[in-house]
Amino acid sequence: MLSNIGIPGLILVLVLALIIFGPSKLPEIGRAFGTTLKEFKKSTRELVSDDQPTEEKKQKELL
């Protein structure tokens, strides 16, 4: 999806964000986005790690 944007599209999005939110709000928005992304990655890692032991138990039961 993001590979189709290209450099001009990315610059346009950044300029529009700067115009809409202003320079004082952009760091706050970026920080909030980063925190959200970090929490999402953490929760997906926890879900995957919780899922792995049950799969190992199933494989042991089959043997």
N, C-alpha and C. Protein backbone atom coordinates (compact mmCIF):
# COMPACT_ATOMS: atom_id res chain seq x y z
N MET A 1 0.83 -1.19 0.00
CA MET A 1 0.00 0.00 0.00
C MET A 1 0.87 1.25 0.00
N LEU A 2 1.83 1.33 0.92
CA LEU A 2 2.67 2.52 1.01
C LEU A 2 3.69 2.61 -0.12
N SER A 3 3.96 1.50 -0.78
CA SER A 3 4.94 1.53 -1.86
C SER A 3 4.42 2.30 -3.07
N ASN A 4 3.13 2.48 -3.18
CA ASN A 4 2.55 3.20 -4.31
C ASN A 4 2.53 4.72 -4.11
N ILE A 5 2.83 5.19 -2.92
CA ILE A 5 2.76 6.62 -2.64
C ILE A 5 3.91 7.36 -3.32
N GLY A 6 5.11 6.97 -3.10
CA GLY A 6 6.27 7.64 -3.67
C GLY A 6 6.66 8.88 -2.89
N ILE A 7 7.75 9.48 -3.28
CA ILE A 7 8.28 10.66 -2.59
C ILE A 7 7.36 11.87 -2.75
N PRO A 8 6.88 12.20 -3.96
CA PRO A 8 5.99 13.37 -4.08
C PRO A 8 4.71 13.23 -3.25
N GLY A 9 4.14 12.05 -3.22
CA GLY A 9 2.94 11.84 -2.43
C GLY A 9 3.20 11.97 -0.95
N LEU A 10 4.34 11.46 -0.51
CA LEU A 10 4.71 11.56 0.89
C LEU A 10 4.92 13.02 1.30
N ILE A 11 5.58 13.78 0.45
CA ILE A 11 5.78 15.21 0.72
C ILE A 11 4.44 15.93 0.79
N LEU A 12 3.53 15.59 -0.11
CA LEU A 12 2.20 16.21 -0.11
C LEU A 12 1.46 15.91 1.19
N VAL A 13 1.52 14.67 1.64
CA VAL A 13 0.84 14.30 2.88
C VAL A 13 1.45 15.06 4.06
N LEU A 14 2.76 15.16 4.11
CA LEU A 14 3.41 15.89 5.20
C LEU A 14 3.07 17.37 5.19
N VAL A 15 3.02 17.97 4.01
CA VAL A 15 2.66 19.38 3.91
C VAL A 15 1.21 19.59 4.34
N LEU A 16 0.32 18.71 3.92
CA LEU A 16 -1.09 18.83 4.34
C LEU A 16 -1.23 18.67 5.85
N ALA A 17 -0.50 17.73 6.44
CA ALA A 17 -0.54 17.56 7.88
C ALA A 17 -0.02 18.80 8.59
N LEU A 18 1.02 19.39 8.04
CA LEU A 18 1.57 20.61 8.64
C LEU A 18 0.57 21.75 8.56
N ILE A 19 -0.14 21.88 7.44
CA ILE A 19 -1.13 22.94 7.29
C ILE A 19 -2.33 22.71 8.21
N ILE A 20 -2.80 21.46 8.27
CA ILE A 20 -4.01 21.17 9.05
C ILE A 20 -3.75 21.26 10.55
N PHE A 21 -2.68 20.64 11.03
CA PHE A 21 -2.45 20.55 12.47
C PHE A 21 -1.53 21.63 13.01
N GLY A 22 -0.71 22.20 12.17
CA GLY A 22 0.22 23.22 12.63
C GLY A 22 1.49 22.61 13.20
N PRO A 23 2.55 23.39 13.25
CA PRO A 23 3.85 22.85 13.68
C PRO A 23 3.90 22.48 15.17
N SER A 24 3.04 23.07 15.98
CA SER A 24 3.10 22.75 17.42
C SER A 24 2.44 21.42 17.75
N LYS A 25 1.46 21.00 16.95
CA LYS A 25 0.75 19.76 17.23
C LYS A 25 1.42 18.53 16.62
N LEU A 26 2.24 18.69 15.58
CA LEU A 26 2.83 17.55 14.90
C LEU A 26 3.68 16.66 15.81
N PRO A 27 4.52 17.22 16.69
CA PRO A 27 5.28 16.32 17.58
C PRO A 27 4.38 15.51 18.52
N GLU A 28 3.30 16.12 18.99
CA GLU A 28 2.37 15.40 19.86
C GLU A 28 1.68 14.27 19.10
N ILE A 29 1.29 14.54 17.87
CA ILE A 29 0.63 13.53 17.05
C ILE A 29 1.60 12.39 16.74
N GLY A 30 2.83 12.72 16.41
CA GLY A 30 3.84 11.71 16.13
C GLY A 30 4.13 10.86 17.35
N ARG A 31 4.21 11.49 18.50
CA ARG A 31 4.46 10.76 19.74
C ARG A 31 3.30 9.82 20.05
N ALA A 32 2.07 10.29 19.89
CA ALA A 32 0.90 9.46 20.13
C ALA A 32 0.85 8.29 19.15
N PHE A 33 1.20 8.55 17.90
CA PHE A 33 1.22 7.48 16.89
C PHE A 33 2.28 6.44 17.23
N GLY A 34 3.44 6.89 17.66
CA GLY A 34 4.51 5.98 18.04
C GLY A 34 4.15 5.13 19.24
N THR A 35 3.51 5.74 20.23
CA THR A 35 3.08 5.00 21.41
C THR A 35 2.03 3.96 21.05
N THR A 36 1.10 4.34 20.20
CA THR A 36 0.06 3.41 19.75
C THR A 36 0.67 2.24 18.99
N LEU A 37 1.61 2.53 18.11
CA LEU A 37 2.26 1.48 17.34
C LEU A 37 3.05 0.54 18.24
N LYS A 38 3.73 1.10 19.24
CA LYS A 38 4.50 0.28 20.18
C LYS A 38 3.60 -0.64 20.98
N GLU A 39 2.46 -0.11 21.45
CA GLU A 39 1.52 -0.94 22.20
C GLU A 39 0.91 -2.03 21.33
N PHE A 40 0.63 -1.70 20.08
CA PHE A 40 0.07 -2.69 19.15
C PHE A 40 1.07 -3.83 18.91
N LYS A 41 2.33 -3.48 18.69
CA LYS A 41 3.35 -4.51 18.48
C LYS A 41 3.52 -5.36 19.73
N LYS A 42 3.49 -4.74 20.90
CA LYS A 42 3.64 -5.47 22.15
C LYS A 42 2.48 -6.45 22.34
N SER A 43 1.27 -6.02 22.07
CA SER A 43 0.13 -6.90 22.26
C SER A 43 0.12 -8.03 21.25
N THR A 44 0.54 -7.77 20.01
CA THR A 44 0.60 -8.86 19.03
C THR A 44 1.68 -9.86 19.40
N ARG A 45 2.81 -9.39 19.91
CA ARG A 45 3.86 -10.31 20.37
C ARG A 45 3.36 -11.18 21.51
N GLU A 46 2.61 -10.57 22.44
CA GLU A 46 2.08 -11.33 23.56
C GLU A 46 1.07 -12.37 23.08
N LEU A 47 0.24 -12.02 22.12
CA LEU A 47 -0.72 -12.98 21.59
C LEU A 47 -0.02 -14.14 20.90
N VAL A 48 1.01 -13.84 20.15
CA VAL A 48 1.75 -14.89 19.45
C VAL A 48 2.48 -15.77 20.46
N SER A 49 3.08 -15.18 21.47
CA SER A 49 3.82 -15.97 22.46
C SER A 49 2.86 -16.80 23.31
N ASP A 50 1.65 -16.30 23.57
CA ASP A 50 0.66 -17.08 24.31
C ASP A 50 0.15 -18.24 23.47
N ASP A 51 0.12 -18.06 22.18
CA ASP A 51 -0.42 -19.07 21.27
C ASP A 51 0.58 -20.20 21.04
N GLN A 52 1.85 -19.93 21.11
CA GLN A 52 2.86 -20.94 20.81
C GLN A 52 2.86 -22.11 21.80
N PRO A 53 2.77 -21.91 23.10
CA PRO A 53 2.77 -23.06 24.01
C PRO A 53 1.58 -24.01 23.76
N THR A 54 0.42 -23.49 23.41
CA THR A 54 -0.72 -24.36 23.16
C THR A 54 -0.49 -25.20 21.91
N GLU A 55 0.18 -24.63 20.92
CA GLU A 55 0.49 -25.41 19.72
C GLU A 55 1.51 -26.50 20.04
N GLU A 56 2.48 -26.19 20.90
CA GLU A 56 3.46 -27.20 21.29
C GLU A 56 2.80 -28.34 22.08
N LYS A 57 1.84 -28.00 22.94
CA LYS A 57 1.12 -29.01 23.69
C LYS A 57 0.33 -29.93 22.75
N LYS A 58 -0.30 -29.35 21.75
CA LYS A 58 -1.06 -30.13 20.78
C LYS A 58 -0.15 -31.08 20.02
N GLN A 59 1.02 -30.60 19.66
CA GLN A 59 1.96 -31.46 18.92
C GLN A 59 2.45 -32.60 19.80
N LYS A 60 2.70 -32.34 21.09
CA LYS A 60 3.14 -33.38 22.00
C LYS A 60 2.04 -34.41 22.22
N GLU A 61 0.77 -33.95 22.25
CA GLU A 61 -0.34 -34.87 22.44
C GLU A 61 -0.49 -35.79 21.24
N LEU A 62 -0.18 -35.27 20.06
CA LEU A 62 -0.28 -36.09 18.87
C LEU A 62 0.80 -37.17 18.83
N LEU A 63 1.93 -36.89 19.44
CA LEU A 63 3.03 -37.87 19.45
C LEU A 63 2.77 -38.84 20.55
